[in-house]
Amino acid sequence: MAKQTWKGGAMLSPVPPALVTCSDGEHDNVLTIAWTGIVNTIPPKTYISVRPSRHSYEIIKKSGVFAINLTTEQLVRAADFCGVHTGAKIDKFERCCLSKEPAREIDCPILSDSPLSLECRVTDVIPLGSHDMFLADIVAVDVDESLIGQDGKLRLDRADLVAYAHGDYYALGKKLGNFGFSVAKKKKNRPNQNHKTAPRAPKKGS
């Protein structure tokens, strides 16, 4: 496969077009963040990278909290709108008909419309250049009951999540495998012990 070498750039895809909620105590806001992910498991830590020029930057820096709300196919238009408009001029909750509710552990709202929300408390603000990274502890996870299977496990495959890749939004496609499937041992087909075979026909002359 022939390849060209380009100058280094932010070309990692896909990424989640997450709807991030925040509040200054009087006014709530929601913005779309693509530069986000998990950075540690124990303790659970995440990050969002935000341009200092964005309206929500000072809100998050002063409050020290935010919530990451996963975006579904039904929310993709709102995610796009919240990424190109500023909360300094309009109420994006109202314009996008988004419902919100209080978070359990932090002083900012989460989106009722999102099936899963991560409540985050900032631990560090790291200047990186065009963006500052808000490194945060995930202090609570709010999950819609429709995503919890009978075995109690999370079923994100039911959420109709979307991804963002180089300027375009995509619905997640078919499942290709689960974690560890490449090294999992194949189950051998065992004969059914309860299955009775038909008696053989007697040989001639017997």
N, C-alpha and C. Protein backbone atom coordinates (compact mmCIF):
# COMPACT_ATOMS: atom_id res chain seq x y z
N MET A 1 0.85 -1.19 0.00
CA MET A 1 0.00 0.00 0.00
C MET A 1 0.88 1.25 0.00
N ALA A 2 0.77 2.07 -1.03
CA ALA A 2 1.59 3.27 -1.13
C ALA A 2 1.06 4.35 -0.19
N LYS A 3 1.97 5.06 0.46
CA LYS A 3 1.59 6.13 1.40
C LYS A 3 2.37 7.40 1.10
N GLN A 4 1.73 8.54 1.39
CA GLN A 4 2.40 9.83 1.36
C GLN A 4 2.67 10.27 2.79
N THR A 5 3.73 11.02 3.00
CA THR A 5 4.05 11.53 4.32
C THR A 5 3.71 13.01 4.39
N TRP A 6 2.82 13.37 5.29
CA TRP A 6 2.41 14.75 5.49
C TRP A 6 3.04 15.31 6.76
N LYS A 7 2.93 16.61 6.90
CA LYS A 7 3.36 17.27 8.13
C LYS A 7 2.47 16.79 9.28
N GLY A 8 3.05 16.71 10.47
CA GLY A 8 2.28 16.25 11.64
C GLY A 8 1.01 17.05 11.85
N GLY A 9 -0.09 16.37 12.13
CA GLY A 9 -1.38 17.04 12.32
C GLY A 9 -2.32 16.19 13.15
N ALA A 10 -3.45 16.80 13.57
CA ALA A 10 -4.42 16.12 14.42
C ALA A 10 -5.34 15.26 13.56
N MET A 11 -4.84 14.11 13.12
CA MET A 11 -5.56 13.27 12.19
C MET A 11 -6.07 11.97 12.80
N LEU A 12 -6.05 11.85 14.12
CA LEU A 12 -6.54 10.63 14.74
C LEU A 12 -8.06 10.58 14.67
N SER A 13 -8.61 9.53 14.10
CA SER A 13 -10.06 9.39 13.96
C SER A 13 -10.41 7.91 14.06
N PRO A 14 -11.67 7.60 14.45
CA PRO A 14 -12.72 8.55 14.82
C PRO A 14 -12.58 8.98 16.28
N VAL A 15 -13.29 10.04 16.63
CA VAL A 15 -13.34 10.54 18.00
C VAL A 15 -14.80 10.77 18.37
N PRO A 16 -15.11 10.84 19.65
CA PRO A 16 -16.51 11.07 20.04
C PRO A 16 -16.87 12.55 20.00
N PRO A 17 -17.94 12.94 19.30
CA PRO A 17 -18.39 14.34 19.35
C PRO A 17 -19.22 14.55 20.62
N ALA A 18 -18.54 14.66 21.76
CA ALA A 18 -19.22 14.68 23.05
C ALA A 18 -19.88 16.02 23.34
N LEU A 19 -21.05 15.98 23.94
CA LEU A 19 -21.74 17.18 24.41
C LEU A 19 -21.33 17.40 25.86
N VAL A 20 -20.59 18.48 26.10
CA VAL A 20 -20.07 18.78 27.43
C VAL A 20 -20.92 19.87 28.07
N THR A 21 -21.41 19.60 29.27
CA THR A 21 -22.21 20.58 30.00
C THR A 21 -21.40 21.18 31.14
N CYS A 22 -21.69 22.44 31.44
CA CYS A 22 -21.00 23.15 32.50
C CYS A 22 -21.90 24.25 33.04
N SER A 23 -21.49 24.89 34.13
CA SER A 23 -22.32 25.94 34.73
C SER A 23 -21.46 26.86 35.59
N ASP A 24 -21.84 28.14 35.58
CA ASP A 24 -21.16 29.09 36.47
C ASP A 24 -21.98 29.35 37.73
N GLY A 25 -23.02 28.58 37.94
CA GLY A 25 -23.89 28.74 39.10
C GLY A 25 -25.16 29.50 38.79
N GLU A 26 -25.11 30.34 37.75
CA GLU A 26 -26.29 31.11 37.33
C GLU A 26 -26.74 30.70 35.93
N HIS A 27 -25.77 30.45 35.06
CA HIS A 27 -26.08 30.11 33.68
C HIS A 27 -25.42 28.78 33.32
N ASP A 28 -26.20 27.91 32.70
CA ASP A 28 -25.69 26.62 32.23
C ASP A 28 -25.31 26.74 30.75
N ASN A 29 -24.36 25.93 30.33
CA ASN A 29 -23.97 25.94 28.93
C ASN A 29 -23.64 24.52 28.48
N VAL A 30 -23.70 24.33 27.17
CA VAL A 30 -23.34 23.05 26.57
C VAL A 30 -22.52 23.33 25.32
N LEU A 31 -21.43 22.62 25.15
CA LEU A 31 -20.57 22.78 23.98
C LEU A 31 -20.15 21.40 23.49
N THR A 32 -19.72 21.34 22.25
CA THR A 32 -19.29 20.07 21.67
C THR A 32 -17.76 19.99 21.70
N ILE A 33 -17.27 18.87 22.19
CA ILE A 33 -15.83 18.64 22.32
C ILE A 33 -15.47 17.32 21.63
N ALA A 34 -14.53 17.37 20.72
CA ALA A 34 -14.05 16.15 20.07
C ALA A 34 -12.74 15.67 20.70
N TRP A 35 -11.96 16.61 21.26
CA TRP A 35 -10.69 16.22 21.87
C TRP A 35 -10.95 15.77 23.31
N THR A 36 -11.30 14.50 23.45
CA THR A 36 -11.59 13.92 24.76
C THR A 36 -11.31 12.43 24.72
N GLY A 37 -11.15 11.85 25.89
CA GLY A 37 -10.90 10.41 25.96
C GLY A 37 -10.58 9.99 27.38
N ILE A 38 -10.21 8.74 27.54
CA ILE A 38 -9.85 8.19 28.85
C ILE A 38 -8.33 8.17 28.96
N VAL A 39 -7.82 8.61 30.11
CA VAL A 39 -6.37 8.62 30.30
C VAL A 39 -5.91 7.68 31.42
N ASN A 40 -6.84 7.19 32.24
CA ASN A 40 -6.45 6.29 33.32
C ASN A 40 -7.66 5.51 33.80
N THR A 41 -7.40 4.30 34.32
CA THR A 41 -8.49 3.44 34.78
C THR A 41 -8.73 3.54 36.28
N ILE A 42 -7.67 3.38 37.07
CA ILE A 42 -7.78 3.46 38.53
C ILE A 42 -6.80 4.50 39.06
N PRO A 43 -7.26 5.68 39.49
CA PRO A 43 -8.65 6.13 39.48
C PRO A 43 -9.10 6.46 38.06
N PRO A 44 -10.42 6.41 37.80
CA PRO A 44 -10.90 6.73 36.46
C PRO A 44 -10.71 8.21 36.14
N LYS A 45 -9.95 8.49 35.07
CA LYS A 45 -9.65 9.88 34.72
C LYS A 45 -9.92 10.12 33.24
N THR A 46 -10.35 11.31 32.92
CA THR A 46 -10.61 11.70 31.55
C THR A 46 -10.06 13.10 31.32
N TYR A 47 -10.29 13.63 30.14
CA TYR A 47 -9.84 14.98 29.84
C TYR A 47 -10.73 15.57 28.76
N ILE A 48 -10.76 16.88 28.69
CA ILE A 48 -11.25 17.59 27.52
C ILE A 48 -10.25 18.69 27.22
N SER A 49 -9.99 18.93 25.95
CA SER A 49 -9.12 20.03 25.56
C SER A 49 -9.97 21.14 24.96
N VAL A 50 -9.83 22.36 25.50
CA VAL A 50 -10.69 23.49 25.14
C VAL A 50 -9.83 24.70 24.78
N ARG A 51 -10.21 25.37 23.70
CA ARG A 51 -9.53 26.62 23.36
C ARG A 51 -9.85 27.69 24.42
N PRO A 52 -8.87 28.44 24.92
CA PRO A 52 -9.14 29.50 25.90
C PRO A 52 -10.11 30.55 25.41
N SER A 53 -10.28 30.69 24.10
CA SER A 53 -11.18 31.69 23.56
C SER A 53 -12.65 31.28 23.64
N ARG A 54 -12.92 30.02 23.94
CA ARG A 54 -14.30 29.56 23.97
C ARG A 54 -15.01 30.03 25.24
N HIS A 55 -16.30 30.29 25.10
CA HIS A 55 -17.11 30.81 26.20
C HIS A 55 -17.07 29.89 27.42
N SER A 56 -17.06 28.60 27.21
CA SER A 56 -17.11 27.64 28.32
C SER A 56 -15.78 27.49 29.04
N TYR A 57 -14.70 27.97 28.43
CA TYR A 57 -13.38 27.78 29.03
C TYR A 57 -13.30 28.35 30.44
N GLU A 58 -13.66 29.61 30.60
CA GLU A 58 -13.59 30.25 31.92
C GLU A 58 -14.59 29.64 32.89
N ILE A 59 -15.75 29.22 32.36
CA ILE A 59 -16.75 28.59 33.24
C ILE A 59 -16.18 27.32 33.86
N ILE A 60 -15.57 26.48 33.04
CA ILE A 60 -15.02 25.22 33.54
C ILE A 60 -13.80 25.47 34.43
N LYS A 61 -12.97 26.43 34.05
CA LYS A 61 -11.77 26.72 34.84
C LYS A 61 -12.13 27.21 36.23
N LYS A 62 -13.17 28.06 36.33
CA LYS A 62 -13.55 28.62 37.63
C LYS A 62 -14.37 27.64 38.46
N SER A 63 -15.26 26.90 37.82
CA SER A 63 -16.12 25.97 38.57
C SER A 63 -15.40 24.68 38.92
N GLY A 64 -14.47 24.27 38.07
CA GLY A 64 -13.71 23.05 38.31
C GLY A 64 -14.47 21.77 38.03
N VAL A 65 -15.61 21.88 37.33
CA VAL A 65 -16.39 20.68 37.03
C VAL A 65 -16.98 20.76 35.63
N PHE A 66 -17.30 19.60 35.08
CA PHE A 66 -18.02 19.52 33.80
C PHE A 66 -18.57 18.11 33.67
N ALA A 67 -19.45 17.90 32.72
CA ALA A 67 -19.99 16.57 32.47
C ALA A 67 -19.86 16.26 30.98
N ILE A 68 -19.42 15.06 30.67
CA ILE A 68 -19.33 14.58 29.30
C ILE A 68 -20.56 13.72 29.02
N ASN A 69 -21.37 14.14 28.06
CA ASN A 69 -22.59 13.44 27.70
C ASN A 69 -22.42 12.81 26.32
N LEU A 70 -22.60 11.50 26.23
CA LEU A 70 -22.39 10.81 24.96
C LEU A 70 -23.47 11.19 23.95
N THR A 71 -23.06 11.31 22.71
CA THR A 71 -23.95 11.75 21.64
C THR A 71 -24.50 10.57 20.85
N THR A 72 -25.81 10.57 20.67
CA THR A 72 -26.49 9.53 19.90
C THR A 72 -26.86 10.06 18.52
N GLU A 73 -27.41 9.18 17.68
CA GLU A 73 -27.87 9.61 16.37
C GLU A 73 -28.94 10.69 16.49
N GLN A 74 -29.77 10.59 17.53
CA GLN A 74 -30.83 11.58 17.73
C GLN A 74 -30.28 12.93 18.18
N LEU A 75 -29.06 12.93 18.73
CA LEU A 75 -28.47 14.17 19.25
C LEU A 75 -27.42 14.77 18.31
N VAL A 76 -27.18 14.15 17.16
CA VAL A 76 -26.06 14.59 16.33
C VAL A 76 -26.28 16.00 15.78
N ARG A 77 -27.51 16.37 15.44
CA ARG A 77 -27.76 17.72 14.96
C ARG A 77 -27.49 18.75 16.06
N ALA A 78 -27.89 18.41 17.29
CA ALA A 78 -27.61 19.30 18.42
C ALA A 78 -26.11 19.41 18.67
N ALA A 79 -25.40 18.30 18.53
CA ALA A 79 -23.95 18.33 18.74
C ALA A 79 -23.28 19.24 17.72
N ASP A 80 -23.72 19.18 16.48
CA ASP A 80 -23.14 20.05 15.45
C ASP A 80 -23.46 21.51 15.76
N PHE A 81 -24.71 21.79 16.13
CA PHE A 81 -25.12 23.17 16.44
C PHE A 81 -24.32 23.72 17.62
N CYS A 82 -24.16 22.90 18.66
CA CYS A 82 -23.46 23.36 19.86
C CYS A 82 -21.96 23.52 19.63
N GLY A 83 -21.47 22.98 18.52
CA GLY A 83 -20.06 23.13 18.20
C GLY A 83 -19.74 24.37 17.39
N VAL A 84 -20.78 24.97 16.78
CA VAL A 84 -20.53 26.14 15.92
C VAL A 84 -21.17 27.43 16.46
N HIS A 85 -21.93 27.32 17.56
CA HIS A 85 -22.53 28.51 18.17
C HIS A 85 -22.02 28.69 19.59
N THR A 86 -21.96 29.91 20.06
CA THR A 86 -21.46 30.21 21.39
C THR A 86 -22.58 30.44 22.38
N GLY A 87 -22.40 29.92 23.56
CA GLY A 87 -23.36 30.12 24.64
C GLY A 87 -23.33 31.53 25.19
N ALA A 88 -22.38 32.34 24.76
CA ALA A 88 -22.33 33.74 25.20
C ALA A 88 -23.46 34.55 24.59
N LYS A 89 -24.02 34.06 23.48
CA LYS A 89 -25.04 34.83 22.76
C LYS A 89 -26.42 34.17 22.78
N ILE A 90 -26.47 32.85 22.89
CA ILE A 90 -27.75 32.16 22.85
C ILE A 90 -27.81 31.07 23.91
N ASP A 91 -29.02 30.66 24.23
CA ASP A 91 -29.24 29.52 25.12
C ASP A 91 -29.34 28.28 24.24
N LYS A 92 -28.26 27.51 24.21
CA LYS A 92 -28.23 26.36 23.31
C LYS A 92 -29.15 25.23 23.76
N PHE A 93 -29.44 25.16 25.05
CA PHE A 93 -30.41 24.17 25.53
C PHE A 93 -31.77 24.45 24.90
N GLU A 94 -32.16 25.71 24.93
CA GLU A 94 -33.46 26.09 24.39
C GLU A 94 -33.49 25.95 22.87
N ARG A 95 -32.44 26.40 22.19
CA ARG A 95 -32.43 26.35 20.73
C ARG A 95 -32.43 24.92 20.21
N CYS A 96 -31.81 24.01 20.94
CA CYS A 96 -31.72 22.62 20.50
C CYS A 96 -32.75 21.71 21.18
N CYS A 97 -33.61 22.31 22.00
CA CYS A 97 -34.64 21.54 22.72
C CYS A 97 -34.01 20.43 23.55
N LEU A 98 -32.92 20.76 24.24
CA LEU A 98 -32.23 19.79 25.08
C LEU A 98 -32.74 19.88 26.51
N SER A 99 -32.98 18.72 27.10
CA SER A 99 -33.43 18.66 28.49
C SER A 99 -32.23 18.40 29.39
N LYS A 100 -32.24 19.02 30.56
CA LYS A 100 -31.13 18.85 31.50
C LYS A 100 -31.67 18.52 32.88
N GLU A 101 -30.80 17.96 33.69
CA GLU A 101 -31.15 17.64 35.07
C GLU A 101 -29.91 17.78 35.93
N PRO A 102 -30.07 17.94 37.25
CA PRO A 102 -28.90 18.11 38.11
C PRO A 102 -28.02 16.86 38.13
N ALA A 103 -26.73 17.06 38.15
CA ALA A 103 -25.80 15.95 38.34
C ALA A 103 -25.86 15.50 39.79
N ARG A 104 -25.34 14.31 40.08
CA ARG A 104 -25.40 13.78 41.45
C ARG A 104 -24.24 14.24 42.31
N GLU A 105 -23.05 14.40 41.69
CA GLU A 105 -21.84 14.66 42.49
C GLU A 105 -21.19 16.00 42.20
N ILE A 106 -21.62 16.71 41.15
CA ILE A 106 -20.99 17.97 40.80
C ILE A 106 -22.05 19.04 40.58
N ASP A 107 -21.65 20.30 40.65
CA ASP A 107 -22.58 21.42 40.52
C ASP A 107 -22.70 21.90 39.09
N CYS A 108 -23.20 21.03 38.22
CA CYS A 108 -23.54 21.42 36.86
C CYS A 108 -24.52 20.39 36.33
N PRO A 109 -25.27 20.72 35.31
CA PRO A 109 -26.28 19.77 34.82
C PRO A 109 -25.69 18.69 33.94
N ILE A 110 -26.46 17.62 33.78
CA ILE A 110 -26.18 16.61 32.76
C ILE A 110 -27.35 16.62 31.78
N LEU A 111 -27.16 16.04 30.61
CA LEU A 111 -28.23 16.01 29.61
C LEU A 111 -29.15 14.81 29.85
N SER A 112 -30.43 15.09 30.04
CA SER A 112 -31.40 14.01 30.17
C SER A 112 -31.51 13.22 28.88
N ASP A 113 -31.24 13.88 27.75
CA ASP A 113 -31.38 13.25 26.43
C ASP A 113 -30.25 12.27 26.13
N SER A 114 -29.14 12.38 26.84
CA SER A 114 -28.00 11.49 26.59
C SER A 114 -28.15 10.22 27.41
N PRO A 115 -27.82 9.07 26.83
CA PRO A 115 -27.97 7.81 27.56
C PRO A 115 -26.90 7.56 28.61
N LEU A 116 -25.79 8.29 28.52
CA LEU A 116 -24.72 8.09 29.50
C LEU A 116 -23.94 9.39 29.69
N SER A 117 -23.77 9.77 30.96
CA SER A 117 -23.06 11.01 31.30
C SER A 117 -21.95 10.72 32.30
N LEU A 118 -20.80 11.34 32.09
CA LEU A 118 -19.67 11.23 33.01
C LEU A 118 -19.55 12.53 33.80
N GLU A 119 -19.71 12.46 35.10
CA GLU A 119 -19.54 13.64 35.95
C GLU A 119 -18.06 13.77 36.31
N CYS A 120 -17.49 14.93 36.02
CA CYS A 120 -16.04 15.09 36.10
C CYS A 120 -15.64 16.27 36.99
N ARG A 121 -14.59 16.07 37.77
CA ARG A 121 -14.04 17.13 38.61
C ARG A 121 -12.59 17.38 38.20
N VAL A 122 -12.29 18.61 37.82
CA VAL A 122 -10.97 18.98 37.29
C VAL A 122 -9.90 18.85 38.36
N THR A 123 -8.79 18.23 38.00
CA THR A 123 -7.63 18.13 38.90
C THR A 123 -6.46 18.97 38.43
N ASP A 124 -6.34 19.14 37.11
CA ASP A 124 -5.22 19.89 36.54
C ASP A 124 -5.66 20.60 35.27
N VAL A 125 -5.10 21.79 35.05
CA VAL A 125 -5.29 22.51 33.79
C VAL A 125 -3.91 22.62 33.14
N ILE A 126 -3.76 22.01 31.97
CA ILE A 126 -2.45 21.90 31.34
C ILE A 126 -2.44 22.67 30.02
N PRO A 127 -1.72 23.81 29.96
CA PRO A 127 -1.62 24.55 28.69
C PRO A 127 -0.82 23.74 27.67
N LEU A 128 -1.36 23.61 26.46
CA LEU A 128 -0.70 22.80 25.45
C LEU A 128 -0.36 23.57 24.18
N GLY A 129 -0.96 24.74 23.99
CA GLY A 129 -0.77 25.50 22.76
C GLY A 129 -2.09 26.11 22.35
N SER A 130 -2.69 25.58 21.29
CA SER A 130 -3.99 26.09 20.86
C SER A 130 -5.09 25.77 21.88
N HIS A 131 -4.92 24.68 22.63
CA HIS A 131 -5.90 24.25 23.62
C HIS A 131 -5.25 24.09 24.99
N ASP A 132 -6.08 24.18 26.02
CA ASP A 132 -5.69 23.77 27.37
C ASP A 132 -6.42 22.48 27.69
N MET A 133 -5.71 21.56 28.31
CA MET A 133 -6.32 20.29 28.70
C MET A 133 -6.83 20.38 30.13
N PHE A 134 -8.11 20.05 30.32
CA PHE A 134 -8.69 19.92 31.65
C PHE A 134 -8.66 18.44 32.02
N LEU A 135 -7.68 18.06 32.83
CA LEU A 135 -7.57 16.69 33.32
C LEU A 135 -8.51 16.55 34.51
N ALA A 136 -9.29 15.46 34.54
CA ALA A 136 -10.33 15.37 35.55
C ALA A 136 -10.57 13.95 36.05
N ASP A 137 -11.03 13.85 37.29
CA ASP A 137 -11.49 12.58 37.84
C ASP A 137 -12.94 12.37 37.43
N ILE A 138 -13.28 11.14 37.05
CA ILE A 138 -14.68 10.79 36.80
C ILE A 138 -15.28 10.36 38.13
N VAL A 139 -16.12 11.20 38.69
CA VAL A 139 -16.63 10.96 40.05
C VAL A 139 -17.98 10.26 40.05
N ALA A 140 -18.65 10.20 38.93
CA ALA A 140 -19.92 9.48 38.84
C ALA A 140 -20.25 9.23 37.37
N VAL A 141 -21.01 8.18 37.12
CA VAL A 141 -21.49 7.86 35.77
C VAL A 141 -23.00 7.66 35.86
N ASP A 142 -23.73 8.40 35.05
CA ASP A 142 -25.19 8.30 35.04
C ASP A 142 -25.62 7.55 33.79
N VAL A 143 -26.27 6.40 33.95
CA VAL A 143 -26.60 5.50 32.85
C VAL A 143 -28.11 5.33 32.74
N ASP A 144 -28.63 5.48 31.52
CA ASP A 144 -30.04 5.23 31.28
C ASP A 144 -30.32 3.73 31.52
N GLU A 145 -31.41 3.45 32.20
CA GLU A 145 -31.72 2.07 32.55
C GLU A 145 -31.92 1.19 31.32
N SER A 146 -32.25 1.78 30.19
CA SER A 146 -32.45 0.99 28.97
C SER A 146 -31.15 0.36 28.48
N LEU A 147 -30.00 0.86 28.97
CA LEU A 147 -28.71 0.34 28.55
C LEU A 147 -28.15 -0.71 29.52
N ILE A 148 -28.94 -1.08 30.51
CA ILE A 148 -28.48 -2.07 31.49
C ILE A 148 -29.19 -3.39 31.21
N GLY A 149 -28.42 -4.42 30.88
CA GLY A 149 -28.98 -5.72 30.56
C GLY A 149 -29.48 -6.44 31.80
N GLN A 150 -30.14 -7.57 31.61
CA GLN A 150 -30.65 -8.35 32.73
C GLN A 150 -29.54 -8.87 33.62
N ASP A 151 -28.34 -8.99 33.05
CA ASP A 151 -27.19 -9.44 33.84
C ASP A 151 -26.50 -8.29 34.56
N GLY A 152 -27.04 -7.07 34.41
CA GLY A 152 -26.46 -5.90 35.08
C GLY A 152 -25.34 -5.25 34.32
N LYS A 153 -24.99 -5.78 33.15
CA LYS A 153 -23.89 -5.22 32.38
C LYS A 153 -24.36 -4.08 31.49
N LEU A 154 -23.41 -3.16 31.21
CA LEU A 154 -23.70 -2.03 30.34
C LEU A 154 -23.78 -2.49 28.90
N ARG A 155 -24.84 -2.06 28.19
CA ARG A 155 -25.05 -2.43 26.78
C ARG A 155 -25.04 -1.16 25.93
N LEU A 156 -23.85 -0.62 25.70
CA LEU A 156 -23.73 0.60 24.89
C LEU A 156 -24.09 0.37 23.44
N ASP A 157 -24.15 -0.91 23.03
CA ASP A 157 -24.54 -1.20 21.65
C ASP A 157 -25.99 -0.81 21.38
N ARG A 158 -26.76 -0.59 22.44
CA ARG A 158 -28.17 -0.18 22.30
C ARG A 158 -28.33 1.33 22.19
N ALA A 159 -27.24 2.09 22.34
CA ALA A 159 -27.34 3.53 22.48
C ALA A 159 -27.35 4.30 21.16
N ASP A 160 -27.04 3.66 20.04
CA ASP A 160 -26.98 4.34 18.74
C ASP A 160 -26.00 5.52 18.77
N LEU A 161 -24.79 5.26 19.27
CA LEU A 161 -23.78 6.30 19.39
C LEU A 161 -23.22 6.68 18.02
N VAL A 162 -22.64 7.88 17.95
CA VAL A 162 -22.05 8.35 16.70
C VAL A 162 -20.57 8.67 16.91
N ALA A 163 -19.86 8.75 15.80
CA ALA A 163 -18.44 9.09 15.83
C ALA A 163 -18.19 10.26 14.88
N TYR A 164 -17.08 10.94 15.09
CA TYR A 164 -16.69 12.09 14.27
C TYR A 164 -15.34 11.79 13.66
N ALA A 165 -15.23 11.93 12.33
CA ALA A 165 -13.97 11.64 11.65
C ALA A 165 -13.71 12.67 10.56
N HIS A 166 -12.72 13.52 10.81
CA HIS A 166 -12.23 14.49 9.82
C HIS A 166 -13.37 15.33 9.20
N GLY A 167 -14.21 15.89 10.08
CA GLY A 167 -15.25 16.81 9.62
C GLY A 167 -16.60 16.19 9.34
N ASP A 168 -16.73 14.88 9.51
CA ASP A 168 -18.00 14.22 9.22
C ASP A 168 -18.45 13.38 10.41
N TYR A 169 -19.78 13.23 10.54
CA TYR A 169 -20.38 12.41 11.59
C TYR A 169 -20.81 11.07 11.00
N TYR A 170 -20.60 10.01 11.79
CA TYR A 170 -20.95 8.67 11.32
C TYR A 170 -21.67 7.90 12.42
N ALA A 171 -22.67 7.10 12.00
CA ALA A 171 -23.29 6.16 12.92
C ALA A 171 -22.35 4.97 13.06
N LEU A 172 -22.24 4.43 14.28
CA LEU A 172 -21.38 3.27 14.45
C LEU A 172 -21.97 2.08 13.69
N GLY A 173 -21.09 1.29 13.09
CA GLY A 173 -21.54 0.20 12.24
C GLY A 173 -21.67 -1.12 12.96
N LYS A 174 -21.54 -2.19 12.19
CA LYS A 174 -21.76 -3.53 12.73
C LYS A 174 -20.63 -3.94 13.66
N LYS A 175 -20.95 -4.82 14.58
CA LYS A 175 -19.96 -5.34 15.51
C LYS A 175 -19.02 -6.30 14.78
N LEU A 176 -17.72 -6.13 15.00
CA LEU A 176 -16.72 -6.97 14.33
C LEU A 176 -16.09 -8.00 15.26
N GLY A 177 -16.25 -7.80 16.56
CA GLY A 177 -15.67 -8.71 17.53
C GLY A 177 -15.73 -8.07 18.90
N ASN A 178 -15.38 -8.84 19.93
CA ASN A 178 -15.30 -8.27 21.27
C ASN A 178 -13.86 -8.35 21.76
N PHE A 179 -13.59 -7.68 22.88
CA PHE A 179 -12.22 -7.62 23.38
C PHE A 179 -11.68 -9.03 23.62
N GLY A 180 -10.53 -9.31 23.02
CA GLY A 180 -9.88 -10.61 23.19
C GLY A 180 -10.30 -11.68 22.21
N PHE A 181 -11.16 -11.32 21.24
CA PHE A 181 -11.65 -12.35 20.32
C PHE A 181 -10.55 -12.93 19.44
N SER A 182 -9.47 -12.16 19.24
CA SER A 182 -8.40 -12.64 18.36
C SER A 182 -7.58 -13.76 18.98
N VAL A 183 -7.62 -13.89 20.30
CA VAL A 183 -6.83 -14.92 20.97
C VAL A 183 -7.71 -15.93 21.69
N ALA A 184 -9.03 -15.74 21.60
CA ALA A 184 -9.94 -16.65 22.29
C ALA A 184 -9.90 -18.03 21.63
N LYS A 185 -9.93 -19.07 22.44
CA LYS A 185 -9.93 -20.43 21.92
C LYS A 185 -11.32 -20.77 21.41
N LYS A 186 -11.35 -21.40 20.25
CA LYS A 186 -12.63 -21.80 19.69
C LYS A 186 -13.20 -22.99 20.47
N LYS A 187 -14.48 -22.94 20.71
CA LYS A 187 -15.14 -24.04 21.42
C LYS A 187 -15.29 -25.24 20.48
N LYS A 188 -14.91 -26.40 21.00
CA LYS A 188 -15.05 -27.61 20.21
C LYS A 188 -16.49 -28.07 20.23
N ASN A 189 -16.93 -28.56 19.10
CA ASN A 189 -18.29 -29.10 19.01
C ASN A 189 -18.34 -30.45 19.69
N ARG A 190 -19.04 -30.53 20.79
CA ARG A 190 -19.16 -31.79 21.51
C ARG A 190 -20.40 -32.54 21.04
N PRO A 191 -20.30 -33.84 20.90
CA PRO A 191 -21.47 -34.61 20.48
C PRO A 191 -22.56 -34.55 21.54
N ASN A 192 -23.78 -34.53 21.10
CA ASN A 192 -24.91 -34.49 22.02
C ASN A 192 -25.11 -35.87 22.61
N GLN A 193 -24.87 -35.98 23.92
CA GLN A 193 -24.95 -37.28 24.58
C GLN A 193 -26.37 -37.81 24.63
N ASN A 194 -27.33 -36.92 24.51
CA ASN A 194 -28.72 -37.33 24.58
C ASN A 194 -29.24 -37.82 23.22
N HIS A 195 -28.43 -37.60 22.18
CA HIS A 195 -28.88 -37.98 20.84
C HIS A 195 -28.65 -39.47 20.62
N LYS A 196 -29.66 -40.19 20.27
CA LYS A 196 -29.57 -41.63 20.05
C LYS A 196 -29.46 -41.90 18.56
N THR A 197 -28.44 -42.67 18.18
CA THR A 197 -28.25 -43.00 16.77
C THR A 197 -29.14 -44.19 16.39
N ALA A 198 -29.53 -44.21 15.16
CA ALA A 198 -30.37 -45.32 14.69
C ALA A 198 -29.55 -46.59 14.62
N PRO A 199 -30.15 -47.73 14.94
CA PRO A 199 -29.40 -49.02 14.89
C PRO A 199 -28.99 -49.34 13.47
N ARG A 200 -27.79 -49.92 13.35
CA ARG A 200 -27.28 -50.29 12.06
C ARG A 200 -28.04 -51.49 11.50
N ALA A 201 -28.16 -51.49 10.21
CA ALA A 201 -28.83 -52.63 9.58
C ALA A 201 -27.94 -53.87 9.64
N PRO A 202 -28.50 -55.02 9.90
CA PRO A 202 -27.66 -56.24 10.01
C PRO A 202 -27.02 -56.59 8.67
N LYS A 203 -25.80 -57.11 8.76
CA LYS A 203 -25.09 -57.51 7.56
C LYS A 203 -25.74 -58.75 6.97
N LYS A 204 -25.60 -58.89 5.66
CA LYS A 204 -26.13 -60.09 5.01
C LYS A 204 -25.41 -61.33 5.51
N GLY A 205 -26.19 -62.35 5.77
CA GLY A 205 -25.61 -63.60 6.19
C GLY A 205 -25.49 -63.72 7.69
N SER A 206 -25.89 -62.70 8.41
CA SER A 206 -25.77 -62.79 9.85
C SER A 206 -27.00 -63.44 10.47
